[in-house]
């Protein structure tokens, strides 16, 4: 189910881009295609109403409900991009996981900027221009934040998906959630999310 859904989205992003191969598309066109397909047509967005629910860390659950955590939505976006050889990476910014189009790995063509583009899958692909970045992360420059590796992503997913904003529900919920087989790293550097309901 998970792989089929990600493949379906990759096919639709490829069609929307219309370039062959997709990696030759301009960065702004790539981000726009993701905004239209994942966050527009299919309505992927943040689960604002039930943010603390542990199932928001399950890719299978998020693919069914189209609602999830910033990190889960970002990793879905990155997984679709990998299928198209597009340079999108997850970025663990303070308080909100984002996706970055890595301009340094973008196409080498005249008139194509090598600048990075940041967007928030939790907010339906909202692009953060330099002013929006400064407003959200005062004193933090984009270059100061390194992209997450598989281990970092798993740690943060466990924290975000399991720790309630209010610890009133106790540490037992956190411990039980983090013992569940929701996600594990694969040897390829990808993060593979698994769930008993997948």
Protein backbone atom coordinates (compact mmCIF):
# COMPACT_ATOMS: atom_id res chain seq x y z
CA UNK A 1 0.00 0.00 0.00
CA UNK A 2 2.66 2.51 1.04
CA UNK A 3 4.96 1.96 -1.91
CA UNK A 4 2.06 1.96 -4.36
CA UNK A 5 0.77 5.28 -3.03
CA UNK A 6 4.22 6.90 -3.15
CA UNK A 7 4.72 5.57 -6.70
CA UNK A 8 1.33 6.98 -7.73
CA UNK A 9 2.24 10.42 -6.41
CA UNK A 10 5.65 10.27 -8.10
CA UNK A 11 3.96 9.48 -11.42
CA UNK A 12 1.58 12.43 -11.01
CA UNK A 13 4.41 14.82 -10.06
CA UNK A 14 6.36 13.63 -13.12
CA UNK A 15 3.33 14.29 -15.34
CA UNK A 16 2.82 17.73 -13.79
CA UNK A 17 6.47 18.66 -14.39
CA UNK A 18 6.37 17.49 -17.99
CA UNK A 19 10.18 17.48 -18.12
CA UNK A 20 12.20 14.44 -18.96
CA UNK A 21 13.94 13.64 -16.73
CA UNK A 22 12.22 15.42 -13.82
CA UNK A 23 15.63 16.32 -12.36
CA UNK A 24 16.05 18.85 -15.19
CA UNK A 25 13.04 20.90 -14.03
CA UNK A 26 13.63 24.29 -12.43
CA UNK A 27 13.51 24.30 -8.60
CA UNK A 28 10.41 26.53 -8.41
CA UNK A 29 8.60 24.22 -10.87
CA UNK A 30 9.46 21.18 -8.74
CA UNK A 31 8.14 22.77 -5.55
CA UNK A 32 5.00 23.96 -7.35
CA UNK A 33 4.36 20.43 -8.68
CA UNK A 34 4.59 19.02 -5.16
CA UNK A 35 2.31 21.76 -3.84
CA UNK A 36 -0.29 21.00 -6.51
CA UNK A 37 -0.20 17.19 -6.36
CA UNK A 38 0.46 16.28 -2.73
CA UNK A 39 -0.97 19.28 -0.90
CA UNK A 40 -3.52 20.53 -3.43
CA UNK A 41 -5.08 17.63 -5.32
CA UNK A 42 -4.67 15.05 -2.54
CA UNK A 43 -4.98 17.44 0.41
CA UNK A 44 -1.99 16.31 2.46
CA UNK A 45 -1.67 18.61 5.48
CA UNK A 46 -0.85 18.82 9.16
CA UNK A 47 -3.07 17.16 11.72
CA UNK A 48 -3.74 20.30 13.71
CA UNK A 49 -6.85 18.94 15.43
CA UNK A 50 -5.14 15.82 16.81
CA UNK A 51 -1.43 16.65 16.73
CA UNK A 52 -0.42 14.43 19.68
CA UNK A 53 -1.91 11.19 18.32
CA UNK A 54 0.85 8.55 17.98
CA UNK A 55 -0.63 7.28 14.70
CA UNK A 56 0.49 10.58 13.10
CA UNK A 57 3.93 8.92 12.93
CA UNK A 58 2.61 5.98 10.90
CA UNK A 59 3.08 6.48 7.17
CA UNK A 60 0.23 4.06 6.42
CA UNK A 61 -2.13 6.02 8.67
CA UNK A 62 -1.05 9.37 7.21
CA UNK A 63 -1.49 8.11 3.65
CA UNK A 64 -5.05 7.03 4.48
CA UNK A 65 -6.11 10.13 6.43
CA UNK A 66 -3.94 12.70 4.57
CA UNK A 67 -3.11 14.24 7.99
CA UNK A 68 0.14 13.94 9.93
CA UNK A 69 3.06 15.49 11.74
CA UNK A 70 5.57 17.83 10.09
CA UNK A 71 8.25 15.12 10.07
CA UNK A 72 5.95 12.42 8.65
CA UNK A 73 4.62 14.67 5.90
CA UNK A 74 8.16 15.81 5.10
CA UNK A 75 9.44 12.27 4.81
CA UNK A 76 6.54 11.33 2.52
CA UNK A 77 7.48 14.31 0.33
CA UNK A 78 11.16 13.29 0.31
CA UNK A 79 10.26 9.66 -0.49
CA UNK A 80 8.26 10.79 -3.54
CA UNK A 81 11.14 13.03 -4.61
CA UNK A 82 13.65 10.17 -4.37
CA UNK A 83 11.58 8.17 -6.85
CA UNK A 84 12.12 11.02 -9.34
CA UNK A 85 15.78 11.72 -8.48
CA UNK A 86 14.84 15.19 -7.23
CA UNK A 87 17.04 16.90 -4.62
CA UNK A 88 14.50 17.33 -1.81
CA UNK A 89 15.73 16.71 1.74
CA UNK A 90 14.23 16.93 5.22
CA UNK A 91 15.41 19.78 7.43
CA UNK A 92 15.02 19.63 11.23
CA UNK A 93 14.36 23.30 11.95
CA UNK A 94 13.52 24.41 15.49
CA UNK A 95 9.92 23.46 16.24
CA UNK A 96 8.89 22.38 12.73
CA UNK A 97 10.34 19.87 10.28
CA UNK A 98 10.58 21.31 6.74
CA UNK A 99 11.62 20.20 3.26
CA UNK A 100 14.38 21.88 1.28
CA UNK A 101 14.99 21.82 -2.44
CA UNK A 102 18.78 21.50 -2.35
CA UNK A 103 19.86 24.07 -4.92
CA UNK A 104 23.44 22.79 -4.93
CA UNK A 105 22.14 19.54 -6.45
CA UNK A 106 19.76 21.22 -8.88
CA UNK A 107 20.09 21.17 -12.67
CA UNK A 108 23.09 22.79 -14.32
CA UNK A 109 21.42 25.06 -16.83
CA UNK A 110 21.60 28.71 -17.75
CA UNK A 111 19.12 30.79 -15.82
CA UNK A 112 18.46 28.13 -13.14
CA UNK A 113 19.28 29.50 -9.68
CA UNK A 114 21.35 27.36 -7.31
CA UNK A 115 19.50 28.74 -4.27
CA UNK A 116 17.71 26.49 -1.79
CA UNK A 117 13.92 26.60 -1.48
CA UNK A 118 12.26 25.74 1.84
CA UNK A 119 8.64 24.68 2.24
CA UNK A 120 6.39 23.27 4.94
CA UNK A 121 4.40 20.12 4.14
CA UNK A 122 2.52 20.61 7.43
CA UNK A 123 1.14 23.84 5.98
CA UNK A 124 0.20 22.38 2.59
CA UNK A 125 3.54 23.18 0.99
CA UNK A 126 3.81 26.79 2.14
CA UNK A 127 7.07 28.27 0.81
CA UNK A 128 9.24 30.11 3.32
CA UNK A 129 10.91 33.06 1.64
CA UNK A 130 13.77 34.82 3.43
CA UNK A 131 11.41 37.10 5.40
CA UNK A 132 9.21 34.21 6.53
CA UNK A 133 12.36 32.32 7.57
CA UNK A 134 13.59 35.26 9.67
CA UNK A 135 10.16 35.64 11.28
CA UNK A 136 10.00 31.97 12.26
CA UNK A 137 13.63 31.37 13.16
CA UNK A 138 15.10 34.67 14.38
CA UNK A 139 18.89 34.54 14.59
CA UNK A 140 19.07 31.21 12.72
CA UNK A 141 20.44 31.17 9.18
CA UNK A 142 19.28 28.43 6.80
CA UNK A 143 22.88 27.27 6.32
CA UNK A 144 23.21 26.71 10.08
CA UNK A 145 20.81 23.76 9.98
CA UNK A 146 22.05 20.47 8.62
CA UNK A 147 19.73 18.06 6.86
CA UNK A 148 18.68 15.05 8.93
CA UNK A 149 20.17 11.58 8.51
CA UNK A 150 18.13 8.42 9.12
CA UNK A 151 19.02 8.18 12.81
CA UNK A 152 18.14 11.83 13.47
CA UNK A 153 14.85 11.46 11.62
CA UNK A 154 13.88 8.38 13.65
CA UNK A 155 14.73 10.06 16.94
CA UNK A 156 12.72 13.13 16.09
CA UNK A 157 9.78 11.11 14.72
CA UNK A 158 9.63 9.17 17.95
CA UNK A 159 9.76 12.35 20.03
CA UNK A 160 7.20 14.22 17.93
CA UNK A 161 4.80 11.34 17.51
CA UNK A 162 4.88 10.08 21.05
CA UNK A 163 5.49 12.85 23.51
CA UNK A 164 2.30 14.75 24.22
CA UNK A 165 2.59 18.53 24.42
CA UNK A 166 1.34 18.17 27.96
CA UNK A 167 3.12 15.44 29.89
CA UNK A 168 -0.08 14.96 31.93
CA UNK A 169 -0.67 11.67 30.11
CA UNK A 170 2.57 10.41 31.60
CA UNK A 171 5.77 8.80 30.52
CA UNK A 172 4.15 5.38 30.08
CA UNK A 173 2.46 6.48 26.85
CA UNK A 174 5.79 7.77 25.52
CA UNK A 175 7.61 4.54 26.39
CA UNK A 176 4.89 2.33 24.92
CA UNK A 177 4.72 4.34 21.72
CA UNK A 178 8.46 4.28 21.15
CA UNK A 179 8.54 0.49 21.58
CA UNK A 180 6.03 0.03 18.75
CA UNK A 181 7.52 -0.92 15.38
CA UNK A 182 6.46 2.28 13.62
CA UNK A 183 9.69 3.00 11.84
CA UNK A 184 13.15 1.64 11.26
CA UNK A 185 16.11 2.70 9.13
CA UNK A 186 17.02 0.76 6.03
CA UNK A 187 20.57 0.27 4.87
CA UNK A 188 20.06 2.62 1.91
CA UNK A 189 19.90 5.77 3.99
CA UNK A 190 16.15 6.00 3.51
CA UNK A 191 13.79 5.80 6.41
CA UNK A 192 11.29 3.00 6.07
CA UNK A 193 8.14 3.45 8.11
CA UNK A 194 6.28 0.35 9.06
CA UNK A 195 3.12 -0.23 10.99
CA UNK A 196 1.01 -3.19 11.93
CA UNK A 197 -1.83 -1.66 9.90
CA UNK A 198 0.23 -1.17 6.72
